[in-house]
PDB file of N, CA and C in Angstrom:
ATOM      1  N   MET A   1       8.234  12.041  -6.372  1.00  0.00           N
ATOM      2  CA  MET A   1       7.964  13.047  -5.489  1.00  0.00           C
ATOM      3  C   MET A   1       9.573  12.576  -5.185  1.00  0.00           C
ATOM      4  N   PRO A   2       9.664  11.280  -4.380  1.00  0.00           N
ATOM      5  CA  PRO A   2      10.994  10.966  -3.756  1.00  0.00           C
ATOM      6  C   PRO A   2      12.245  11.203  -4.312  1.00  0.00           C
ATOM      7  N   THR A   3      12.210  11.032  -5.861  1.00  0.00           N
ATOM      8  CA  THR A   3      13.275  11.199  -6.684  1.00  0.00           C
ATOM      9  C   THR A   3      13.512  12.776  -6.647  1.00  0.00           C
ATOM     10  N   HIS A   4      12.936  13.751  -6.563  1.00  0.00           N
ATOM     11  CA  HIS A   4      12.918  15.023  -6.516  1.00  0.00           C
ATOM     12  C   HIS A   4      13.599  15.543  -5.468  1.00  0.00           C
ATOM     13  N   ILE A   5      12.929  14.886  -4.005  1.00  0.00           N
ATOM     14  CA  ILE A   5      13.405  15.549  -2.858  1.00  0.00           C
ATOM     15  C   ILE A   5      14.377  14.825  -2.740  1.00  0.00           C
ATOM     16  N   ALA A   6      14.963  13.539  -3.125  1.00  0.00           N
ATOM     17  CA  ALA A   6      16.286  13.669  -2.861  1.00  0.00           C
ATOM     18  C   ALA A   6      17.429  13.950  -3.894  1.00  0.00           C
ATOM     19  N   GLY A   7      17.272  14.287  -5.046  1.00  0.00           N
ATOM     20  CA  GLY A   7      17.972  14.734  -5.817  1.00  0.00           C
ATOM     21  C   GLY A   7      18.128  16.236  -5.981  1.00  0.00           C
ATOM     22  N   ASP A   8      16.992  16.780  -5.575  1.00  0.00           N
ATOM     23  CA  ASP A   8      16.969  18.382  -5.898  1.00  0.00           C
ATOM     24  C   ASP A   8      16.819  18.914  -4.695  1.00  0.00           C
ATOM     25  N   LYS A   9      16.522  18.917  -3.292  1.00  0.00           N
ATOM     26  CA  LYS A   9      16.117  19.571  -2.423  1.00  0.00           C
ATOM     27  C   LYS A   9      17.202  19.503  -1.374  1.00  0.00           C
ATOM     28  N   VAL A  10      18.393  18.371  -1.562  1.00  0.00           N
ATOM     29  CA  VAL A  10      19.355  18.071  -0.699  1.00  0.00           C
ATOM     30  C   VAL A  10      20.380  18.379  -1.484  1.00  0.00           C
ATOM     31  N   SER A  11      21.499  19.434  -1.443  1.00  0.00           N
ATOM     32  CA  SER A  11      22.329  19.685  -2.323  1.00  0.00           C
ATOM     33  C   SER A  11      23.531  20.480  -1.632  1.00  0.00           C
ATOM     34  N   PRO A  12      25.012  19.476  -1.231  1.00  0.00           N
ATOM     35  CA  PRO A  12      25.051  18.109  -1.890  1.00  0.00           C
ATOM     36  C   PRO A  12      24.216  17.376  -1.184  1.00  0.00           C
ATOM     37  N   CYS A  13      24.316  16.259  -1.605  1.00  0.00           N
ATOM     38  CA  CYS A  13      23.278  15.128  -0.968  1.00  0.00           C
ATOM     39  C   CYS A  13      24.229  14.225  -0.464  1.00  0.00           C
ATOM     40  N   PRO A  14      24.233  14.130   1.162  1.00  0.00           N
ATOM     41  CA  PRO A  14      25.151  13.013   1.493  1.00  0.00           C
ATOM     42  C   PRO A  14      25.139  12.013   1.426  1.00  0.00           C
ATOM     43  N   ALA A  15      26.328  10.981   1.274  1.00  0.00           N
ATOM     44  CA  ALA A  15      26.262   9.714   0.284  1.00  0.00           C
ATOM     45  C   ALA A  15      25.502   9.019   1.230  1.00  0.00           C
ATOM     46  N   ASP A  16      24.574   9.031   2.646  1.00  0.00           N
ATOM     47  CA  ASP A  16      23.977   7.805   3.060  1.00  0.00           C
ATOM     48  C   ASP A  16      22.864   8.407   3.238  1.00  0.00           C
ATOM     49  N   LEU A  17      22.204   9.244   2.489  1.00  0.00           N
ATOM     50  CA  LEU A  17      21.078   9.753   2.721  1.00  0.00           C
ATOM     51  C   LEU A  17      20.067   9.049   1.268  1.00  0.00           C
ATOM     52  N   ARG A  18      19.032   8.566   2.015  1.00  0.00           N
ATOM     53  CA  ARG A  18      18.078   7.611   1.245  1.00  0.00           C
ATOM     54  C   ARG A  18      16.677   8.279   1.232  1.00  0.00           C
ATOM     55  N   CYS A  19      15.898   8.448   0.307  1.00  0.00           N
ATOM     56  CA  CYS A  19      14.610   8.824   0.541  1.00  0.00           C
ATOM     57  C   CYS A  19      13.482   7.945  -0.440  1.00  0.00           C
ATOM     58  N   ASN A  20      12.911   7.189   0.430  1.00  0.00           N
ATOM     59  CA  ASN A  20      11.952   6.453   0.023  1.00  0.00           C
ATOM     60  C   ASN A  20      10.304   6.814   0.008  1.00  0.00           C
ATOM     61  N   CYS A  21       9.270   6.238  -0.394  1.00  0.00           N
ATOM     62  CA  CYS A  21       8.183   6.740   0.066  1.00  0.00           C
ATOM     63  C   CYS A  21       7.343   5.554  -0.246  1.00  0.00           C
ATOM     64  N   ILE A  22       6.776   5.087   1.102  1.00  0.00           N
ATOM     65  CA  ILE A  22       5.843   3.772   1.404  1.00  0.00           C
ATOM     66  C   ILE A  22       4.432   4.349   1.096  1.00  0.00           C
ATOM     67  N   GLN A  23       3.588   3.927   0.208  1.00  0.00           N
ATOM     68  CA  GLN A  23       2.342   4.164   0.119  1.00  0.00           C
ATOM     69  C   GLN A  23       1.441   3.045  -0.004  1.00  0.00           C
ATOM     70  N   PRO A  24       1.024   2.699   1.497  1.00  0.00           N
ATOM     71  CA  PRO A  24       0.275   1.781   1.742  1.00  0.00           C
ATOM     72  C   PRO A  24      -1.490   1.977   1.486  1.00  0.00           C
ATOM     73  N   ALA A  25      -2.319   0.962   1.064  1.00  0.00           N
ATOM     74  CA  ALA A  25      -3.815   1.024   0.732  1.00  0.00           C
ATOM     75  C   ALA A  25      -4.540  -0.047   0.962  1.00  0.00           C
ATOM     76  N   ALA A  26      -5.525  -0.291   1.317  1.00  0.00           N
ATOM     77  CA  ALA A  26      -6.206  -1.596   1.778  1.00  0.00           C
ATOM     78  C   ALA A  26      -5.701  -2.156   2.762  1.00  0.00           C
ATOM     79  N   ILE A  27      -4.939  -1.291   4.128  1.00  0.00           N
ATOM     80  CA  ILE A  27      -4.394  -2.036   4.923  1.00  0.00           C
ATOM     81  C   ILE A  27      -5.671  -1.891   6.415  1.00  0.00           C
ATOM     82  N   LEU A  28      -5.789  -2.875   6.751  1.00  0.00           N
ATOM     83  CA  LEU A  28      -6.777  -3.345   8.025  1.00  0.00           C
ATOM     84  C   LEU A  28      -6.579  -2.485   9.336  1.00  0.00           C
ATOM     85  N   THR A  29      -6.916  -1.323   9.130  1.00  0.00           N
ATOM     86  CA  THR A  29      -6.475  -0.600  10.512  1.00  0.00           C
ATOM     87  C   THR A  29      -8.019   0.208  11.020  1.00  0.00           C
ATOM     88  N   PRO A  30      -7.810   0.741  12.135  1.00  0.00           N
ATOM     89  CA  PRO A  30      -9.096   1.329  12.499  1.00  0.00           C
ATOM     90  C   PRO A  30      -9.475   2.410  11.751  1.00  0.00           C
ATOM     91  N   MET A  31      -8.879   2.867  10.933  1.00  0.00           N
ATOM     92  CA  MET A  31      -9.650   3.778   9.812  1.00  0.00           C
ATOM     93  C   MET A  31     -10.948   3.092   8.914  1.00  0.00           C
ATOM     94  N   TRP A  32     -10.889   1.792   8.799  1.00  0.00           N
ATOM     95  CA  TRP A  32     -11.915   0.698   8.008  1.00  0.00           C
ATOM     96  C   TRP A  32     -12.834   0.590   8.570  1.00  0.00           C
ATOM     97  N   ASP A  33     -13.282   1.304   9.960  1.00  0.00           N
ATOM     98  CA  ASP A  33     -14.171   0.717  10.583  1.00  0.00           C
ATOM     99  C   ASP A  33     -15.388   1.236  10.420  1.00  0.00           C
ATOM    100  N   PRO A  34     -15.663   2.508   9.885  1.00  0.00           N
ATOM    101  CA  PRO A  34     -16.857   3.063   9.669  1.00  0.00           C
ATOM    102  C   PRO A  34     -17.349   2.612   8.246  1.00  0.00           C
ATOM    103  N   VAL A  35     -16.354   2.254   7.550  1.00  0.00           N
ATOM    104  CA  VAL A  35     -16.347   1.379   6.194  1.00  0.00           C
ATOM    105  C   VAL A  35     -17.048  -0.205   6.552  1.00  0.00           C
ATOM    106  N   LEU A  36     -16.665  -0.681   7.545  1.00  0.00           N
ATOM    107  CA  LEU A  36     -16.655  -1.999   7.591  1.00  0.00           C
ATOM    108  C   LEU A  36     -18.049  -2.554   8.320  1.00  0.00           C
ATOM    109  N   GLY A  37     -18.493  -1.578   9.342  1.00  0.00           N
ATOM    110  CA  GLY A  37     -19.339  -1.456  10.068  1.00  0.00           C
ATOM    111  C   GLY A  37     -19.033  -2.485  11.437  1.00  0.00           C
ATOM    112  N   GLU A  38     -20.143  -3.347  11.891  1.00  0.00           N
ATOM    113  CA  GLU A  38     -19.923  -4.081  13.410  1.00  0.00           C
ATOM    114  C   GLU A  38     -20.528  -5.561  13.248  1.00  0.00           C
ATOM    115  N   GLY A  39     -20.559  -6.046  14.190  1.00  0.00           N
ATOM    116  CA  GLY A  39     -21.121  -7.343  13.942  1.00  0.00           C
ATOM    117  C   GLY A  39     -21.138  -8.253  12.816  1.00  0.00           C
ATOM    118  N   PRO A  40     -21.930  -9.361  12.556  1.00  0.00           N
ATOM    119  CA  PRO A  40     -22.076 -10.170  11.448  1.00  0.00           C
ATOM    120  C   PRO A  40     -21.861  -9.243  10.337  1.00  0.00           C
ATOM    121  N   GLN A  41     -22.694  -8.011   9.972  1.00  0.00           N
ATOM    122  CA  GLN A  41     -22.271  -7.067   8.735  1.00  0.00           C
ATOM    123  C   GLN A  41     -20.730  -6.645   8.414  1.00  0.00           C
ATOM    124  N   ARG A  42     -20.212  -6.743   9.716  1.00  0.00           N
ATOM    125  CA  ARG A  42     -18.646  -6.219   9.372  1.00  0.00           C
ATOM    126  C   ARG A  42     -17.958  -7.186   8.710  1.00  0.00           C
ATOM    127  N   GLU A  43     -18.248  -8.569   8.879  1.00  0.00           N
ATOM    128  CA  GLU A  43     -17.521  -9.764   8.202  1.00  0.00           C
ATOM    129  C   GLU A  43     -17.847  -9.963   6.958  1.00  0.00           C
ATOM    130  N   ALA A  44     -19.176  -9.584   6.462  1.00  0.00           N
ATOM    131  CA  ALA A  44     -19.785  -9.741   5.404  1.00  0.00           C
ATOM    132  C   ALA A  44     -19.147  -8.747   4.591  1.00  0.00           C
ATOM    133  N   ASN A  45     -18.978  -7.414   5.002  1.00  0.00           N
ATOM    134  CA  ASN A  45     -18.436  -6.793   4.630  1.00  0.00           C
ATOM    135  C   ASN A  45     -17.011  -6.845   4.194  1.00  0.00           C
ATOM    136  N   LEU A  46     -16.103  -7.039   4.978  1.00  0.00           N
ATOM    137  CA  LEU A  46     -14.593  -7.502   5.043  1.00  0.00           C
ATOM    138  C   LEU A  46     -14.661  -8.088   3.679  1.00  0.00           C
ATOM    139  N   ALA A  47     -14.983  -9.539   3.680  1.00  0.00           N
ATOM    140  CA  ALA A  47     -15.332 -10.536   2.997  1.00  0.00           C
ATOM    141  C   ALA A  47     -15.327  -9.992   1.433  1.00  0.00           C
ATOM    142  N   ARG A  48     -16.425  -9.143   1.116  1.00  0.00           N
ATOM    143  CA  ARG A  48     -16.960  -8.508  -0.242  1.00  0.00           C
ATOM    144  C   ARG A  48     -15.847  -7.771  -0.409  1.00  0.00           C
ATOM    145  N   PHE A  49     -15.077  -6.947   0.574  1.00  0.00           N
ATOM    146  CA  PHE A  49     -13.856  -6.104  -0.042  1.00  0.00           C
ATOM    147  C   PHE A  49     -12.849  -6.897  -0.240  1.00  0.00           C
ATOM    148  N   ALA A  50     -12.713  -7.693   0.287  1.00  0.00           N
ATOM    149  CA  ALA A  50     -11.365  -8.630   0.210  1.00  0.00           C
ATOM    150  C   ALA A  50     -11.356  -9.361  -1.214  1.00  0.00           C
ATOM    151  N   ALA A  51     -12.372  -9.763  -1.332  1.00  0.00           N
ATOM    152  CA  ALA A  51     -12.832 -10.571  -2.515  1.00  0.00           C
ATOM    153  C   ALA A  51     -12.437  -9.642  -3.953  1.00  0.00           C
ATOM    154  N   SER A  52     -12.652  -8.558  -3.896  1.00  0.00           N
ATOM    155  CA  SER A  52     -12.302  -7.753  -5.186  1.00  0.00           C
ATOM    156  C   SER A  52     -10.751  -7.417  -5.310  1.00  0.00           C
ATOM    157  N   ALA A  53      -9.850  -7.833  -4.064  1.00  0.00           N
ATOM    158  CA  ALA A  53      -8.566  -7.112  -3.961  1.00  0.00           C
ATOM    159  C   ALA A  53      -7.940  -8.603  -4.690  1.00  0.00           C
ATOM    160  N   PRO A  54      -6.990  -8.313  -5.839  1.00  0.00           N
ATOM    161  CA  PRO A  54      -6.000  -9.422  -6.258  1.00  0.00           C
ATOM    162  C   PRO A  54      -5.663 -10.401  -5.253  1.00  0.00           C
ATOM    163  N   LEU A  55      -4.847 -10.044  -3.998  1.00  0.00           N
ATOM    164  CA  LEU A  55      -4.625 -11.069  -3.054  1.00  0.00           C
ATOM    165  C   LEU A  55      -5.875 -11.581  -2.486  1.00  0.00           C
ATOM    166  N   HIS A  56      -7.030 -10.978  -2.418  1.00  0.00           N
ATOM    167  CA  HIS A  56      -8.277 -11.484  -1.933  1.00  0.00           C
ATOM    168  C   HIS A  56      -7.959 -11.208  -0.174  1.00  0.00           C
ATOM    169  N   ARG A  57      -7.473 -10.019   0.074  1.00  0.00           N
ATOM    170  CA  ARG A  57      -7.364  -9.783   1.529  1.00  0.00           C
ATOM    171  C   ARG A  57      -6.649  -8.689   1.872  1.00  0.00           C
ATOM    172  N   PHE A  58      -6.718  -8.000   3.200  1.00  0.00           N
ATOM    173  CA  PHE A  58      -6.438  -6.828   3.506  1.00  0.00           C
ATOM    174  C   PHE A  58      -5.199  -7.035   3.642  1.00  0.00           C
ATOM    175  N   GLY A  59      -4.290  -5.788   3.819  1.00  0.00           N
ATOM    176  CA  GLY A  59      -2.859  -5.990   4.384  1.00  0.00           C
ATOM    177  C   GLY A  59      -2.987  -5.724   5.937  1.00  0.00           C
ATOM    178  N   THR A  60      -1.779  -6.118   6.261  1.00  0.00           N
ATOM    179  CA  THR A  60      -1.506  -5.546   7.673  1.00  0.00           C
ATOM    180  C   THR A  60      -0.710  -4.357   8.194  1.00  0.00           C
ATOM    181  N   PRO A  61      -0.932  -3.773   9.352  1.00  0.00           N
ATOM    182  CA  PRO A  61       0.142  -2.813   9.687  1.00  0.00           C
ATOM    183  C   PRO A  61       1.420  -3.494   9.741  1.00  0.00           C
ATOM    184  N   GLU A  62       1.688  -4.986  10.233  1.00  0.00           N
ATOM    185  CA  GLU A  62       3.023  -5.312  10.639  1.00  0.00           C
ATOM    186  C   GLU A  62       3.649  -5.509   8.949  1.00  0.00           C
ATOM    187  N   GLU A  63       2.882  -5.658   7.861  1.00  0.00           N
ATOM    188  CA  GLU A  63       3.253  -5.656   6.843  1.00  0.00           C
ATOM    189  C   GLU A  63       3.917  -4.529   6.268  1.00  0.00           C
ATOM    190  N   VAL A  64       3.200  -3.383   6.357  1.00  0.00           N
ATOM    191  CA  VAL A  64       3.656  -2.060   6.027  1.00  0.00           C
ATOM    192  C   VAL A  64       5.031  -2.061   6.813  1.00  0.00           C
ATOM    193  N   ALA A  65       4.895  -2.214   8.440  1.00  0.00           N
ATOM    194  CA  ALA A  65       6.303  -1.899   9.232  1.00  0.00           C
ATOM    195  C   ALA A  65       7.118  -2.620   8.502  1.00  0.00           C
ATOM    196  N   ALA A  66       6.992  -4.201   8.135  1.00  0.00           N
ATOM    197  CA  ALA A  66       8.641  -4.778   7.623  1.00  0.00           C
ATOM    198  C   ALA A  66       8.799  -3.998   6.427  1.00  0.00           C
ATOM    199  N   LEU A  67       8.431  -3.613   5.678  1.00  0.00           N
ATOM    200  CA  LEU A  67       8.868  -2.570   4.648  1.00  0.00           C
ATOM    201  C   LEU A  67       9.729  -1.568   5.024  1.00  0.00           C
ATOM    202  N   ALA A  68       8.965  -0.866   6.185  1.00  0.00           N
ATOM    203  CA  ALA A  68       9.749   0.037   6.567  1.00  0.00           C
ATOM    204  C   ALA A  68      11.173  -0.188   7.073  1.00  0.00           C
ATOM    205  N   VAL A  69      11.273  -1.281   8.056  1.00  0.00           N
ATOM    206  CA  VAL A  69      12.420  -1.780   8.341  1.00  0.00           C
ATOM    207  C   VAL A  69      13.471  -2.034   7.311  1.00  0.00           C
ATOM    208  N   HIS A  70      12.932  -2.472   6.253  1.00  0.00           N
ATOM    209  CA  HIS A  70      13.921  -3.298   5.266  1.00  0.00           C
ATOM    210  C   HIS A  70      14.144  -1.820   4.565  1.00  0.00           C
ATOM    211  N   LEU A  71      13.626  -0.770   4.493  1.00  0.00           N
ATOM    212  CA  LEU A  71      14.383   0.220   3.824  1.00  0.00           C
ATOM    213  C   LEU A  71      15.049   1.013   4.702  1.00  0.00           C
ATOM    214  N   ALA A  72      14.745   0.902   5.868  1.00  0.00           N
ATOM    215  CA  ALA A  72      15.955   1.199   6.816  1.00  0.00           C
ATOM    216  C   ALA A  72      17.148   0.679   7.162  1.00  0.00           C
ATOM    217  N   SER A  73      17.215  -0.568   6.556  1.00  0.00           N
ATOM    218  CA  SER A  73      18.133  -1.311   6.900  1.00  0.00           C
ATOM    219  C   SER A  73      19.341  -1.137   5.693  1.00  0.00           C
ATOM    220  N   ASP A  74      20.372  -2.012   5.869  1.00  0.00           N
ATOM    221  CA  ASP A  74      21.315  -2.011   5.267  1.00  0.00           C
ATOM    222  C   ASP A  74      21.187  -2.742   4.262  1.00  0.00           C
ATOM    223  N   GLU A  75      20.066  -3.685   4.224  1.00  0.00           N
ATOM    224  CA  GLU A  75      20.269  -4.249   2.844  1.00  0.00           C
ATOM    225  C   GLU A  75      19.244  -3.583   1.816  1.00  0.00           C
ATOM    226  N   SER A  76      19.075  -2.504   2.072  1.00  0.00           N
ATOM    227  CA  SER A  76      18.636  -1.677   0.811  1.00  0.00           C
ATOM    228  C   SER A  76      19.325  -0.019   0.735  1.00  0.00           C
ATOM    229  N   ALA A  77      20.694  -0.482   1.310  1.00  0.00           N
ATOM    230  CA  ALA A  77      21.474   0.568   1.136  1.00  0.00           C
ATOM    231  C   ALA A  77      21.328   1.306  -0.227  1.00  0.00           C
ATOM    232  N   PHE A  78      21.116   0.658  -1.227  1.00  0.00           N
ATOM    233  CA  PHE A  78      21.393   1.517  -2.966  1.00  0.00           C
ATOM    234  C   PHE A  78      19.817   1.582  -3.170  1.00  0.00           C
ATOM    235  N   THR A  79      18.842   1.890  -2.608  1.00  0.00           N
ATOM    236  CA  THR A  79      17.431   2.062  -2.885  1.00  0.00           C
ATOM    237  C   THR A  79      17.258   3.279  -2.232  1.00  0.00           C
ATOM    238  N   THR A  80      17.351   4.507  -3.480  1.00  0.00           N
ATOM    239  CA  THR A  80      16.638   5.777  -3.019  1.00  0.00           C
ATOM    240  C   THR A  80      16.018   6.160  -4.045  1.00  0.00           C
ATOM    241  N   GLY A  81      14.798   7.320  -3.859  1.00  0.00           N
ATOM    242  CA  GLY A  81      14.225   7.652  -5.016  1.00  0.00           C
ATOM    243  C   GLY A  81      12.926   6.717  -5.747  1.00  0.00           C
ATOM    244  N   ALA A  82      12.621   5.682  -4.698  1.00  0.00           N
ATOM    245  CA  ALA A  82      11.364   4.709  -5.143  1.00  0.00           C
ATOM    246  C   ALA A  82      10.295   5.163  -4.287  1.00  0.00           C
ATOM    247  N   GLU A  83       9.256   5.025  -4.877  1.00  0.00           N
ATOM    248  CA  GLU A  83       8.121   4.746  -4.393  1.00  0.00           C
ATOM    249  C   GLU A  83       7.485   3.323  -4.461  1.00  0.00           C
ATOM    250  N   PHE A  84       7.137   2.727  -2.900  1.00  0.00           N
ATOM    251  CA  PHE A  84       6.504   1.532  -2.828  1.00  0.00           C
ATOM    252  C   PHE A  84       5.003   1.310  -2.497  1.00  0.00           C
ATOM    253  N   ASN A  85       4.398   0.881  -3.500  1.00  0.00           N
ATOM    254  CA  ASN A  85       2.725   0.622  -3.388  1.00  0.00           C
ATOM    255  C   ASN A  85       2.680  -0.686  -2.535  1.00  0.00           C
ATOM    256  N   ILE A  86       2.414  -0.839  -1.258  1.00  0.00           N
ATOM    257  CA  ILE A  86       2.013  -1.596  -0.913  1.00  0.00           C
ATOM    258  C   ILE A  86       0.343  -2.010  -0.440  1.00  0.00           C
ATOM    259  N   ASP A  87      -0.159  -2.504  -1.585  1.00  0.00           N
ATOM    260  CA  ASP A  87      -1.655  -2.544  -1.742  1.00  0.00           C
ATOM    261  C   ASP A  87      -2.660  -3.816  -2.290  1.00  0.00           C
ATOM    262  N   GLY A  88      -1.097  -4.849  -2.085  1.00  0.00           N
ATOM    263  CA  GLY A  88      -2.103  -6.180  -2.391  1.00  0.00           C
ATOM    264  C   GLY A  88      -2.085  -6.596  -3.875  1.00  0.00           C
ATOM    265  N   GLY A  89      -1.487  -5.680  -4.934  1.00  0.00           N
ATOM    266  CA  GLY A  89      -1.887  -5.453  -6.137  1.00  0.00           C
ATOM    267  C   GLY A  89      -3.162  -4.978  -6.603  1.00  0.00           C
ATOM    268  N   MET A  90      -3.513  -3.821  -5.831  1.00  0.00           N
ATOM    269  CA  MET A  90      -4.951  -2.641  -6.180  1.00  0.00           C
ATOM    270  C   MET A  90      -4.440  -1.945  -6.960  1.00  0.00           C
ATOM    271  N   LEU A  91      -3.468  -1.576  -7.317  1.00  0.00           N
ATOM    272  CA  LEU A  91      -3.040  -0.603  -8.539  1.00  0.00           C
ATOM    273  C   LEU A  91      -2.904  -1.480  -9.768  1.00  0.00           C
ATOM    274  N   ALA A  92      -2.648  -2.805  -9.783  1.00  0.00           N
ATOM    275  CA  ALA A  92      -2.371  -3.441 -10.879  1.00  0.00           C
ATOM    276  C   ALA A  92      -3.522  -3.894 -11.367  1.00  0.00           C
ATOM    277  N   GLY A  93      -4.764  -3.745 -10.797  1.00  0.00           N
ATOM    278  CA  GLY A  93      -6.180  -4.437 -11.123  1.00  0.00           C
ATOM    279  C   GLY A  93      -6.956  -4.909 -10.126  1.00  0.00           C
ATOM    280  N   SER A  94      -8.329  -4.846 -10.513  1.00  0.00           N
ATOM    281  CA  SER A  94      -9.065  -5.793  -9.549  1.00  0.00           C
ATOM    282  C   SER A  94      -9.276  -7.261 -10.005  1.00  0.00           C
ATOM    283  N   ALA A  95      -9.295  -8.106  -8.875  1.00  0.00           N
ATOM    284  CA  ALA A  95      -9.720  -9.571  -9.219  1.00  0.00           C
ATOM    285  C   ALA A  95     -11.426  -9.647  -9.954  1.00  0.00           C
ATOM    286  N   GLU A  96     -12.044  -8.614  -9.797  1.00  0.00           N
ATOM    287  CA  GLU A  96     -13.535  -9.031 -10.231  1.00  0.00           C
ATOM    288  C   GLU A  96     -13.232  -9.304 -11.870  1.00  0.00           C
ATOM    289  N   ALA A  97     -14.065  -9.943 -12.540  1.00  0.00           N
ATOM    290  CA  ALA A  97     -14.008 -10.063 -13.829  1.00  0.00           C
ATOM    291  C   ALA A  97     -14.941  -8.665 -14.621  1.00  0.00           C
ATOM    292  N   PRO A  98     -14.763  -8.149 -15.564  1.00  0.00           N
ATOM    293  CA  PRO A  98     -15.417  -7.183 -16.041  1.00  0.00           C
ATOM    294  C   PRO A  98     -16.992  -7.616 -16.202  1.00  0.00           C
ATOM    295  N   GLY A  99     -17.766  -6.718 -15.980  1.00  0.00           N
ATOM    296  CA  GLY A  99     -18.751  -6.906 -16.660  1.00  0.00           C
ATOM    297  C   GLY A  99     -19.805  -5.840 -16.888  1.00  0.00           C
ATOM    298  N   PRO A 100     -21.060  -6.102 -17.404  1.00  0.00           N
ATOM    299  CA  PRO A 100     -21.583  -4.778 -18.107  1.00  0.00           C
ATOM    300  C   PRO A 100     -21.712  -3.691 -17.040  1.00  0.00           C
ATOM    301  N   VAL A 101     -21.758  -2.711 -17.629  1.00  0.00           N
ATOM    302  CA  VAL A 101     -22.041  -1.353 -16.745  1.00  0.00           C
ATOM    303  C   VAL A 101     -23.307  -0.983 -16.288  1.00  0.00           C
ATOM    304  N   GLY A 102     -24.088  -1.221 -17.147  1.00  0.00           N
ATOM    305  CA  GLY A 102     -25.638  -1.018 -16.937  1.00  0.00           C
ATOM    306  C   GLY A 102     -26.370  -1.654 -17.705  1.00  0.00           C
ATOM    307  N   ASP A 103     -27.616  -1.461 -17.503  1.00  0.00           N
ATOM    308  CA  ASP A 103     -28.600  -2.304 -18.291  1.00  0.00           C
ATOM    309  C   ASP A 103     -29.051  -1.887 -19.354  1.00  0.00           C
ATOM    310  N   SER A 104     -29.027  -2.661 -20.025  1.00  0.00           N
ATOM    311  CA  SER A 104     -29.319  -2.035 -21.523  1.00  0.00           C
ATOM    312  C   SER A 104     -30.657  -2.727 -22.433  1.00  0.00           C
TER     313      SER A 104
END
């Protein structure tokens, strides 16, 4: 979608216009509170979810912000039409080993 927006929706496209997409997942924000629960169960749930992630942890809002700052900087002046997954490798696959799907 960013390529489509950057290339097709703005015509003629100003030379300094850049359009990129940040796609965060598994970022530890209050959105996870209902899933993780409270008290000792929260820590157990957090550990369980983190164990299945390729980097074995949740991302932080600061890590997402760092990507946004980089994309807004002159250091990424030639970056446009890109989609950035900031998910600790979740889309690359699970850290869990494959196992049987059901009892046979």
